[in-house]
Amino acid sequence: VPSMAEISAIPHNGFNVVSTFSGCGGSCLGYRMAGFRVLWANEFIPIAQASYKANHPDSILDGRDIREVQPDEILAAIGLKQGELDLFDGSPPCQAFSTAGKRHKGWGKGKTYENGKTQCNETLFDEYVRLLRGLMPRVFVAENVSGLVKGTAKGYFLDILKALKESGYNVKVQCLDAQWLGVPQMRQRVIFQGVRNDIDRQPAFPTPLPYRYSVRDALPWIDECIVGNAAFESIWGKADVPTPTIMAGGKTKQSGECKADNQRRKFTIAEVKRICAFPDDFV
């Protein structure tokens, strides 16, 4: 993984991006690594805003609730007209569909964030579609958890897919696993890609790599990874494979502890960054 300075020096490829639900800027960092210029981003959680600003000082960061943002405001801020934006990105919050959460039991109940605002996560994809129709970019990329295509959430998935197609796009969807794309972590995500109907191109997805990076590749000083599931411990604790999905607080789906220098402890922030394939100097 290159350093932040090395990423800053990557030449621009001539294409630009507008990002929503941007978090600390992980997706934006990926676009920058690919040569894109991120013109504008939206994130309304204060601590995530602070991290985003520290790592992406050249992007405009809008801190409002996404429901307050209008497409013409974005276009005015970046100096483009409808249809001129190259890529529109967004990863609406996924707690409502995550297999690690309450799923349908939490639908219709707002989640209160640290800034005191409340949102119903399962409705935020509607806001993404609203902005998509106002911006009409050449291409869009949207992401969510694999739970969106499982069980009772499938109805939401079909509604989202229909709305994206009706917005004027050729849309394809795949479930990608980060462990086969260069990240030392088992992390499945549903990726929507759309190409505007007037453009003679097809959405394209990456080909899985023939190898994986292990947790030991990322954290060579770790002696052993400890999990709560005994059946999984023999696989993860003793063999070189990626970690299970990293969740809030640096935990994994099974546990989230490791052993180094004969001490049993949680992963540090620096270790979590490596497991998530962030640069060591990402703030």
C-alpha atoms as a PDB file:
ATOM      1  CA  VAL A   1       0.000   0.000   0.000  1.00  0.00           C
ATOM      2  CA  PRO A   2       1.547   3.351  -1.000  1.00  0.00           C
ATOM      3  CA  SER A   3       1.952   6.202   1.453  1.00  0.00           C
ATOM      4  CA  MET A   4      -0.314   9.269   1.405  1.00  0.00           C
ATOM      5  CA  ALA A   5       2.518  11.302  -0.140  1.00  0.00           C
ATOM      6  CA  GLU A   6       2.940   8.742  -2.908  1.00  0.00           C
ATOM      7  CA  ILE A   7      -0.801   8.742  -3.557  1.00  0.00           C
ATOM      8  CA  SER A   8      -0.839  12.552  -3.741  1.00  0.00           C
ATOM      9  CA  ALA A   9       1.828  12.354  -6.452  1.00  0.00           C
ATOM     10  CA  ILE A  10      -0.199   9.982  -8.680  1.00  0.00           C
ATOM     11  CA  PRO A  11      -1.056  11.813 -11.956  1.00  0.00           C
ATOM     12  CA  HIS A  12      -4.729  12.608 -12.558  1.00  0.00           C
ATOM     13  CA  ASN A  13      -6.446  10.505 -15.214  1.00  0.00           C
ATOM     14  CA  GLY A  14      -8.719  13.329 -16.384  1.00  0.00           C
ATOM     15  CA  PHE A  15     -11.866  12.030 -14.681  1.00  0.00           C
ATOM     16  CA  ASN A  16     -13.665  13.493 -11.644  1.00  0.00           C
ATOM     17  CA  VAL A  17     -15.803  12.171  -8.796  1.00  0.00           C
ATOM     18  CA  VAL A  18     -18.542  13.361  -6.452  1.00  0.00           C
ATOM     19  CA  SER A  19     -18.843  11.220  -3.319  1.00  0.00           C
ATOM     20  CA  THR A  20     -21.704  10.798  -0.838  1.00  0.00           C
ATOM     21  CA  PHE A  21     -21.802   9.008   2.538  1.00  0.00           C
ATOM     22  CA  SER A  22     -18.043   9.485   2.383  1.00  0.00           C
ATOM     23  CA  GLY A  23     -17.049   8.526   5.935  1.00  0.00           C
ATOM     24  CA  CYS A  24     -13.352   9.046   6.635  1.00  0.00           C
ATOM     25  CA  GLY A  25     -12.672   8.993   2.882  1.00  0.00           C
ATOM     26  CA  GLY A  26     -11.708   5.398   2.174  1.00  0.00           C
ATOM     27  CA  SER A  27     -13.529   5.146  -1.154  1.00  0.00           C
ATOM     28  CA  CYS A  28     -12.283   8.582  -2.150  1.00  0.00           C
ATOM     29  CA  LEU A  29      -8.736   7.432  -1.399  1.00  0.00           C
ATOM     30  CA  GLY A  30      -9.285   4.480  -3.725  1.00  0.00           C
ATOM     31  CA  TYR A  31     -10.463   6.765  -6.519  1.00  0.00           C
ATOM     32  CA  ARG A  32      -7.461   9.016  -5.959  1.00  0.00           C
ATOM     33  CA  MET A  33      -5.151   5.993  -6.149  1.00  0.00           C
ATOM     34  CA  ALA A  34      -6.750   5.231  -9.530  1.00  0.00           C
ATOM     35  CA  GLY A  35      -6.039   8.770 -10.725  1.00  0.00           C
ATOM     36  CA  PHE A  36      -9.462  10.377 -10.257  1.00  0.00           C
ATOM     37  CA  ARG A  37      -9.926  13.880  -8.855  1.00  0.00           C
ATOM     38  CA  VAL A  38     -12.511  13.971  -6.036  1.00  0.00           C
ATOM     39  CA  LEU A  39     -14.222  17.351  -6.387  1.00  0.00           C
ATOM     40  CA  TRP A  40     -16.882  17.198  -3.664  1.00  0.00           C
ATOM     41  CA  ALA A  41     -17.875  14.893  -0.818  1.00  0.00           C
ATOM     42  CA  ASN A  42     -20.641  14.719   1.770  1.00  0.00           C
ATOM     43  CA  GLU A  43     -20.375  13.351   5.305  1.00  0.00           C
ATOM     44  CA  PHE A  44     -22.397  14.546   8.300  1.00  0.00           C
ATOM     45  CA  ILE A  45     -20.796  12.691  11.237  1.00  0.00           C
ATOM     46  CA  PRO A  46     -18.297  15.077  12.912  1.00  0.00           C
ATOM     47  CA  ILE A  47     -15.506  12.590  13.728  1.00  0.00           C
ATOM     48  CA  ALA A  48     -15.628  11.202  10.193  1.00  0.00           C
ATOM     49  CA  GLN A  49     -15.532  14.757   8.828  1.00  0.00           C
ATOM     50  CA  ALA A  50     -12.379  15.461  10.833  1.00  0.00           C
ATOM     51  CA  SER A  51     -10.636  12.400   9.406  1.00  0.00           C
ATOM     52  CA  TYR A  52     -11.806  13.213   5.883  1.00  0.00           C
ATOM     53  CA  LYS A  53     -10.478  16.757   6.061  1.00  0.00           C
ATOM     54  CA  ALA A  54      -7.126  15.553   7.383  1.00  0.00           C
ATOM     55  CA  ASN A  55      -6.661  13.171   4.461  1.00  0.00           C
ATOM     56  CA  HIS A  56      -8.435  14.976   1.606  1.00  0.00           C
ATOM     57  CA  PRO A  57      -7.718  18.711   2.030  1.00  0.00           C
ATOM     58  CA  ASP A  58      -8.234  19.431  -1.671  1.00  0.00           C
ATOM     59  CA  SER A  59     -11.850  18.206  -1.821  1.00  0.00           C
ATOM     60  CA  ILE A  60     -14.917  20.275  -0.940  1.00  0.00           C
ATOM     61  CA  LEU A  61     -16.540  18.640   2.107  1.00  0.00           C
ATOM     62  CA  ASP A  62     -20.242  19.295   2.703  1.00  0.00           C
ATOM     63  CA  GLY A  63     -21.206  18.395   6.277  1.00  0.00           C
ATOM     64  CA  ARG A  64     -24.981  18.578   5.973  1.00  0.00           C
ATOM     65  CA  ASP A  65     -27.504  15.781   6.318  1.00  0.00           C
ATOM     66  CA  ILE A  66     -27.750  14.245   2.831  1.00  0.00           C
ATOM     67  CA  ARG A  67     -31.496  14.938   2.840  1.00  0.00           C
ATOM     68  CA  GLU A  68     -30.756  18.673   2.806  1.00  0.00           C
ATOM     69  CA  VAL A  69     -28.411  18.544  -0.191  1.00  0.00           C
ATOM     70  CA  GLN A  70     -29.707  19.528  -3.640  1.00  0.00           C
ATOM     71  CA  PRO A  71     -28.118  18.416  -6.951  1.00  0.00           C
ATOM     72  CA  ASP A  72     -27.904  21.980  -8.295  1.00  0.00           C
ATOM     73  CA  GLU A  73     -25.911  22.981  -5.183  1.00  0.00           C
ATOM     74  CA  ILE A  74     -23.346  20.275  -5.903  1.00  0.00           C
ATOM     75  CA  LEU A  75     -23.074  21.295  -9.572  1.00  0.00           C
ATOM     76  CA  ALA A  76     -22.660  24.963  -8.624  1.00  0.00           C
ATOM     77  CA  ALA A  77     -19.911  24.094  -6.132  1.00  0.00           C
ATOM     78  CA  ILE A  78     -17.877  22.089  -8.667  1.00  0.00           C
ATOM     79  CA  GLY A  79     -18.599  24.276 -11.704  1.00  0.00           C
ATOM     80  CA  LEU A  80     -20.258  21.611 -13.857  1.00  0.00           C
ATOM     81  CA  LYS A  81     -23.631  21.263 -15.576  1.00  0.00           C
ATOM     82  CA  GLN A  82     -26.021  18.340 -15.337  1.00  0.00           C
ATOM     83  CA  GLY A  83     -24.566  15.385 -17.253  1.00  0.00           C
ATOM     84  CA  GLU A  84     -20.942  16.603 -17.145  1.00  0.00           C
ATOM     85  CA  LEU A  85     -19.842  14.764 -13.989  1.00  0.00           C
ATOM     86  CA  ASP A  86     -17.846  11.607 -14.721  1.00  0.00           C
ATOM     87  CA  LEU A  87     -18.566   9.467 -11.651  1.00  0.00           C
ATOM     88  CA  PHE A  88     -21.047   9.636  -8.763  1.00  0.00           C
ATOM     89  CA  ASP A  89     -20.159   7.462  -5.770  1.00  0.00           C
ATOM     90  CA  GLY A  90     -22.058   6.522  -2.646  1.00  0.00           C
ATOM     91  CA  SER A  91     -22.246   3.941   0.131  1.00  0.00           C
ATOM     92  CA  PRO A  92     -25.487   4.599   2.045  1.00  0.00           C
ATOM     93  CA  PRO A  93     -25.290   3.423   5.698  1.00  0.00           C
ATOM     94  CA  CYS A  94     -25.844  -0.315   5.817  1.00  0.00           C
ATOM     95  CA  GLN A  95     -26.777  -1.133   9.431  1.00  0.00           C
ATOM     96  CA  ALA A  96     -30.393  -1.750   8.403  1.00  0.00           C
ATOM     97  CA  PHE A  97     -29.363  -4.602   6.100  1.00  0.00           C
ATOM     98  CA  SER A  98     -26.210  -5.962   7.752  1.00  0.00           C
ATOM     99  CA  THR A  99     -26.335  -9.602   8.807  1.00  0.00           C
ATOM    100  CA  ALA A 100     -24.448  -8.499  11.926  1.00  0.00           C
ATOM    101  CA  GLY A 101     -27.277  -6.170  12.976  1.00  0.00           C
ATOM    102  CA  LYS A 102     -31.012  -6.253  13.722  1.00  0.00           C
ATOM    103  CA  ARG A 103     -31.956  -6.133   9.999  1.00  0.00           C
ATOM    104  CA  HIS A 104     -35.752  -5.872   9.479  1.00  0.00           C
ATOM    105  CA  LYS A 105     -36.368  -5.596  13.237  1.00  0.00           C
ATOM    106  CA  GLY A 106     -34.802  -2.135  13.085  1.00  0.00           C
ATOM    107  CA  TRP A 107     -36.588  -0.893   9.967  1.00  0.00           C
ATOM    108  CA  GLY A 108     -38.619   2.238  10.508  1.00  0.00           C
ATOM    109  CA  LYS A 109     -36.604   3.137  13.613  1.00  0.00           C
ATOM    110  CA  GLY A 110     -34.214   6.052  13.305  1.00  0.00           C
ATOM    111  CA  LYS A 111     -30.565   5.732  14.292  1.00  0.00           C
ATOM    112  CA  THR A 112     -29.351   8.697  16.369  1.00  0.00           C
ATOM    113  CA  TYR A 113     -25.815   9.869  15.606  1.00  0.00           C
ATOM    114  CA  GLU A 114     -23.309  11.751  17.764  1.00  0.00           C
ATOM    115  CA  ASN A 115     -24.410  15.111  16.337  1.00  0.00           C
ATOM    116  CA  GLY A 116     -27.953  14.494  17.605  1.00  0.00           C
ATOM    117  CA  LYS A 117     -29.509  13.901  14.192  1.00  0.00           C
ATOM    118  CA  THR A 118     -31.605  10.840  13.427  1.00  0.00           C
ATOM    119  CA  GLN A 119     -31.889   8.937  10.152  1.00  0.00           C
ATOM    120  CA  CYS A 120     -33.690   5.788   9.017  1.00  0.00           C
ATOM    121  CA  ASN A 121     -30.854   3.941   7.299  1.00  0.00           C
ATOM    122  CA  GLU A 122     -33.056   1.888   5.016  1.00  0.00           C
ATOM    123  CA  THR A 123     -34.390   5.024   3.289  1.00  0.00           C
ATOM    124  CA  LEU A 124     -31.026   6.637   2.487  1.00  0.00           C
ATOM    125  CA  PHE A 125     -30.581   4.851  -0.833  1.00  0.00           C
ATOM    126  CA  ASP A 126     -33.576   6.945  -1.957  1.00  0.00           C
ATOM    127  CA  GLU A 127     -31.491  10.060  -1.324  1.00  0.00           C
ATOM    128  CA  TYR A 128     -28.663   8.629  -3.427  1.00  0.00           C
ATOM    129  CA  VAL A 129     -31.085   7.990  -6.299  1.00  0.00           C
ATOM    130  CA  ARG A 130     -32.538  11.502  -5.947  1.00  0.00           C
ATOM    131  CA  LEU A 131     -29.111  13.074  -6.320  1.00  0.00           C
ATOM    132  CA  LEU A 132     -28.186  10.691  -9.140  1.00  0.00           C
ATOM    133  CA  ARG A 133     -31.190  11.881 -11.159  1.00  0.00           C
ATOM    134  CA  GLY A 134     -30.295  15.499 -10.558  1.00  0.00           C
ATOM    135  CA  LEU A 135     -26.612  15.103 -11.474  1.00  0.00           C
ATOM    136  CA  MET A 136     -26.950  12.521 -14.302  1.00  0.00           C
ATOM    137  CA  PRO A 137     -23.256  11.540 -14.235  1.00  0.00           C
ATOM    138  CA  ARG A 138     -21.765   9.387 -16.955  1.00  0.00           C
ATOM    139  CA  VAL A 139     -21.175   6.547 -14.480  1.00  0.00           C
ATOM    140  CA  PHE A 140     -22.194   5.729 -10.916  1.00  0.00           C
ATOM    141  CA  VAL A 141     -20.891   3.292  -8.302  1.00  0.00           C
ATOM    142  CA  ALA A 142     -22.895   2.433  -5.173  1.00  0.00           C
ATOM    143  CA  GLU A 143     -22.058  -0.042  -2.431  1.00  0.00           C
ATOM    144  CA  ASN A 144     -23.832  -1.868   0.381  1.00  0.00           C
ATOM    145  CA  VAL A 145     -23.534  -4.964   2.550  1.00  0.00           C
ATOM    146  CA  SER A 146     -24.197  -8.441   1.163  1.00  0.00           C
ATOM    147  CA  GLY A 147     -27.197  -8.657   3.509  1.00  0.00           C
ATOM    148  CA  LEU A 148     -29.059  -6.413   1.061  1.00  0.00           C
ATOM    149  CA  VAL A 149     -29.572  -9.420  -1.235  1.00  0.00           C
ATOM    150  CA  LYS A 150     -30.443 -11.878   1.534  1.00  0.00           C
ATOM    151  CA  GLY A 151     -33.710 -12.725   3.254  1.00  0.00           C
ATOM    152  CA  THR A 152     -36.337 -10.047   3.821  1.00  0.00           C
ATOM    153  CA  ALA A 153     -34.005  -7.312   2.526  1.00  0.00           C
ATOM    154  CA  LYS A 154     -34.315  -8.621  -1.050  1.00  0.00           C
ATOM    155  CA  GLY A 155     -37.401  -6.479  -1.555  1.00  0.00           C
ATOM    156  CA  TYR A 156     -35.350  -3.344  -0.859  1.00  0.00           C
ATOM    157  CA  PHE A 157     -32.656  -4.592  -3.242  1.00  0.00           C
ATOM    158  CA  LEU A 158     -35.161  -5.061  -6.075  1.00  0.00           C
ATOM    159  CA  ASP A 159     -36.674  -1.619  -5.448  1.00  0.00           C
ATOM    160  CA  ILE A 160     -33.212  -0.010  -5.490  1.00  0.00           C
ATOM    161  CA  LEU A 161     -32.211  -1.818  -8.678  1.00  0.00           C
ATOM    162  CA  LYS A 162     -35.449  -0.777 -10.395  1.00  0.00           C
ATOM    163  CA  ALA A 163     -35.010   2.874  -9.358  1.00  0.00           C
ATOM    164  CA  LEU A 164     -31.424   2.960 -10.607  1.00  0.00           C
ATOM    165  CA  LYS A 165     -32.386   1.505 -13.979  1.00  0.00           C
ATOM    166  CA  GLU A 166     -35.323   3.895 -14.303  1.00  0.00           C
ATOM    167  CA  SER A 167     -32.906   6.787 -13.723  1.00  0.00           C
ATOM    168  CA  GLY A 168     -31.518   6.200 -17.218  1.00  0.00           C
ATOM    169  CA  TYR A 169     -28.686   3.724 -16.631  1.00  0.00           C
ATOM    170  CA  ASN A 170     -27.491   0.304 -17.725  1.00  0.00           C
ATOM    171  CA  VAL A 171     -27.003  -1.272 -14.288  1.00  0.00           C
ATOM    172  CA  LYS A 172     -25.099  -4.371 -13.225  1.00  0.00           C
ATOM    173  CA  VAL A 173     -24.630  -5.749  -9.699  1.00  0.00           C
ATOM    174  CA  GLN A 174     -22.041  -8.104  -8.226  1.00  0.00           C
ATOM    175  CA  CYS A 175     -21.129  -9.229  -4.720  1.00  0.00           C
ATOM    176  CA  LEU A 176     -17.370  -8.754  -4.363  1.00  0.00           C
ATOM    177  CA  ASP A 177     -15.163 -10.084  -1.578  1.00  0.00           C
ATOM    178  CA  ALA A 178     -12.241  -7.877  -0.551  1.00  0.00           C
ATOM    179  CA  GLN A 179     -10.055 -10.875   0.325  1.00  0.00           C
ATOM    180  CA  TRP A 180      -9.757 -11.666  -3.414  1.00  0.00           C
ATOM    181  CA  LEU A 181      -9.036  -8.064  -4.368  1.00  0.00           C
ATOM    182  CA  GLY A 182      -5.847  -7.354  -2.421  1.00  0.00           C
ATOM    183  CA  VAL A 183      -7.220  -6.740   1.094  1.00  0.00           C
ATOM    184  CA  PRO A 184      -6.236  -9.076   3.977  1.00  0.00           C
ATOM    185  CA  GLN A 185      -9.833  -9.238   5.198  1.00  0.00           C
ATOM    186  CA  MET A 186     -12.908 -11.333   4.373  1.00  0.00           C
ATOM    187  CA  ARG A 187     -15.405  -8.613   3.501  1.00  0.00           C
ATOM    188  CA  GLN A 188     -18.318  -9.089   1.096  1.00  0.00           C
ATOM    189  CA  ARG A 189     -20.032  -6.071  -0.401  1.00  0.00           C
ATOM    190  CA  VAL A 190     -22.734  -5.633  -3.050  1.00  0.00           C
ATOM    191  CA  ILE A 191     -21.512  -3.232  -5.744  1.00  0.00           C
ATOM    192  CA  PHE A 192     -23.929  -1.473  -8.114  1.00  0.00           C
ATOM    193  CA  GLN A 193     -22.410  -0.016 -11.281  1.00  0.00           C
ATOM    194  CA  GLY A 194     -24.313   2.011 -13.847  1.00  0.00           C
ATOM    195  CA  VAL A 195     -23.375   3.526 -17.199  1.00  0.00           C
ATOM    196  CA  ARG A 196     -25.681   6.214 -18.594  1.00  0.00           C
ATOM    197  CA  ASN A 197     -27.824   4.877 -21.436  1.00  0.00           C
ATOM    198  CA  ASP A 198     -26.442   7.309 -24.027  1.00  0.00           C
ATOM    199  CA  ILE A 199     -22.897   5.945 -23.532  1.00  0.00           C
ATOM    200  CA  ASP A 200     -21.879   2.826 -25.473  1.00  0.00           C
ATOM    201  CA  ARG A 201     -20.108   1.051 -22.615  1.00  0.00           C
ATOM    202  CA  GLN A 202     -20.894  -1.787 -20.231  1.00  0.00           C
ATOM    203  CA  PRO A 203     -20.337  -1.768 -16.447  1.00  0.00           C
ATOM    204  CA  ALA A 204     -17.179  -3.740 -15.647  1.00  0.00           C
ATOM    205  CA  PHE A 205     -16.107  -5.504 -12.454  1.00  0.00           C
ATOM    206  CA  PRO A 206     -12.612  -6.524 -11.343  1.00  0.00           C
ATOM    207  CA  THR A 207     -11.407 -10.079 -11.847  1.00  0.00           C
ATOM    208  CA  PRO A 208     -10.599 -11.815  -8.536  1.00  0.00           C
ATOM    209  CA  LEU A 209      -6.888 -12.273  -7.927  1.00  0.00           C
ATOM    210  CA  PRO A 210      -5.477 -15.842  -7.864  1.00  0.00           C
ATOM    211  CA  TYR A 211      -4.020 -15.227  -4.396  1.00  0.00           C
ATOM    212  CA  ARG A 212      -4.885 -13.635  -1.047  1.00  0.00           C
ATOM    213  CA  TYR A 213      -2.895 -11.587   1.456  1.00  0.00           C
ATOM    214  CA  SER A 214      -2.964 -13.075   4.932  1.00  0.00           C
ATOM    215  CA  VAL A 215      -3.248 -11.316   8.268  1.00  0.00           C
ATOM    216  CA  ARG A 216       0.391 -12.288   8.796  1.00  0.00           C
ATOM    217  CA  ASP A 217       1.380 -10.519   5.566  1.00  0.00           C
ATOM    218  CA  ALA A 218      -0.187  -7.335   6.932  1.00  0.00           C
ATOM    219  CA  LEU A 219       0.851  -7.793  10.577  1.00  0.00           C
ATOM    220  CA  PRO A 220       4.051  -9.871  10.654  1.00  0.00           C
ATOM    221  CA  TRP A 221       4.535  -9.222  14.396  1.00  0.00           C
ATOM    222  CA  ILE A 222       1.282 -10.969  15.329  1.00  0.00           C
ATOM    223  CA  ASP A 223       1.846 -14.458  16.753  1.00  0.00           C
ATOM    224  CA  GLU A 224      -1.737 -15.653  16.675  1.00  0.00           C
ATOM    225  CA  CYS A 225      -5.250 -14.383  15.951  1.00  0.00           C
ATOM    226  CA  ILE A 226      -7.843 -15.413  18.521  1.00  0.00           C
ATOM    227  CA  VAL A 227     -11.486 -16.030  17.665  1.00  0.00           C
ATOM    228  CA  GLY A 228     -14.521 -17.046  19.649  1.00  0.00           C
ATOM    229  CA  ASN A 229     -15.549 -19.748  17.221  1.00  0.00           C
ATOM    230  CA  ALA A 230     -13.458 -22.819  18.009  1.00  0.00           C
ATOM    231  CA  ALA A 231     -14.126 -24.348  14.588  1.00  0.00           C
ATOM    232  CA  PHE A 232     -12.740 -21.259  12.926  1.00  0.00           C
ATOM    233  CA  GLU A 233      -9.793 -20.909  15.277  1.00  0.00           C
ATOM    234  CA  SER A 234      -7.939 -23.811  13.663  1.00  0.00           C
ATOM    235  CA  ILE A 235      -8.276 -22.072  10.294  1.00  0.00           C
ATOM    236  CA  TRP A 236      -7.559 -18.476  11.232  1.00  0.00           C
ATOM    237  CA  GLY A 237      -5.386 -18.840  14.289  1.00  0.00           C
ATOM    238  CA  LYS A 238      -2.896 -21.270  12.796  1.00  0.00           C
ATOM    239  CA  ALA A 239      -2.973 -20.734   9.023  1.00  0.00           C
ATOM    240  CA  ASP A 240      -2.143 -17.785   6.801  1.00  0.00           C
ATOM    241  CA  VAL A 241      -5.557 -16.427   5.698  1.00  0.00           C
ATOM    242  CA  PRO A 242      -7.247 -12.980   5.762  1.00  0.00           C
ATOM    243  CA  THR A 243      -9.070 -11.848   8.909  1.00  0.00           C
ATOM    244  CA  PRO A 244     -12.855 -12.078   9.257  1.00  0.00           C
ATOM    245  CA  THR A 245     -14.758  -8.837   8.645  1.00  0.00           C
ATOM    246  CA  ILE A 246     -13.540  -5.928  10.778  1.00  0.00           C
ATOM    247  CA  MET A 247     -16.454  -4.223  12.533  1.00  0.00           C
ATOM    248  CA  ALA A 248     -16.901  -1.199  14.804  1.00  0.00           C
ATOM    249  CA  GLY A 249     -14.271  -0.841  17.491  1.00  0.00           C
ATOM    250  CA  GLY A 250     -11.728  -2.931  15.606  1.00  0.00           C
ATOM    251  CA  LYS A 251     -13.493  -6.201  16.362  1.00  0.00           C
ATOM    252  CA  THR A 252     -13.997  -9.015  13.872  1.00  0.00           C
ATOM    253  CA  LYS A 253     -17.184 -10.948  13.328  1.00  0.00           C
ATOM    254  CA  GLN A 254     -15.878 -13.767  15.535  1.00  0.00           C
ATOM    255  CA  SER A 255     -13.868 -11.885  18.145  1.00  0.00           C
ATOM    256  CA  GLY A 256     -11.167  -9.353  17.421  1.00  0.00           C
ATOM    257  CA  GLU A 257      -8.205 -10.257  19.572  1.00  0.00           C
ATOM    258  CA  CYS A 258      -4.670 -11.239  18.769  1.00  0.00           C
ATOM    259  CA  LYS A 259      -1.603 -12.442  20.593  1.00  0.00           C
ATOM    260  CA  ALA A 260       1.734 -10.645  20.252  1.00  0.00           C
ATOM    261  CA  ASP A 261       4.747 -10.838  22.561  1.00  0.00           C
ATOM    262  CA  ASN A 262       2.784 -13.351  24.661  1.00  0.00           C
ATOM    263  CA  GLN A 263       0.091 -10.736  25.347  1.00  0.00           C
ATOM    264  CA  ARG A 264      -3.541 -11.196  24.404  1.00  0.00           C
ATOM    265  CA  ARG A 265      -5.088  -7.916  23.263  1.00  0.00           C
ATOM    266  CA  LYS A 266      -7.360  -6.196  20.741  1.00  0.00           C
ATOM    267  CA  PHE A 267      -6.044  -4.922  17.435  1.00  0.00           C
ATOM    268  CA  THR A 268      -4.627  -1.402  17.565  1.00  0.00           C
ATOM    269  CA  ILE A 269      -5.850   1.374  15.237  1.00  0.00           C
ATOM    270  CA  ALA A 270      -2.602   1.020  13.265  1.00  0.00           C
ATOM    271  CA  GLU A 271      -3.242  -2.717  12.860  1.00  0.00           C
ATOM    272  CA  VAL A 272      -6.861  -2.209  11.832  1.00  0.00           C
ATOM    273  CA  LYS A 273      -5.709   0.248   9.162  1.00  0.00           C
ATOM    274  CA  ARG A 274      -3.409  -2.401   7.704  1.00  0.00           C
ATOM    275  CA  ILE A 275      -6.120  -5.060   7.795  1.00  0.00           C
ATOM    276  CA  CYS A 276      -8.384  -2.614   5.917  1.00  0.00           C
ATOM    277  CA  ALA A 277      -5.558  -1.771   3.429  1.00  0.00           C
ATOM    278  CA  PHE A 278      -5.219   1.892   4.421  1.00  0.00           C
ATOM    279  CA  PRO A 279      -1.779   3.566   4.226  1.00  0.00           C
ATOM    280  CA  ASP A 280       0.098   3.567   7.523  1.00  0.00           C
ATOM    281  CA  ASP A 281       0.102   7.403   7.507  1.00  0.00           C
ATOM    282  CA  PHE A 282      -3.651   7.759   6.820  1.00  0.00           C
ATOM    283  CA  VAL A 283      -5.069   9.946   9.607  1.00  0.00           C
END
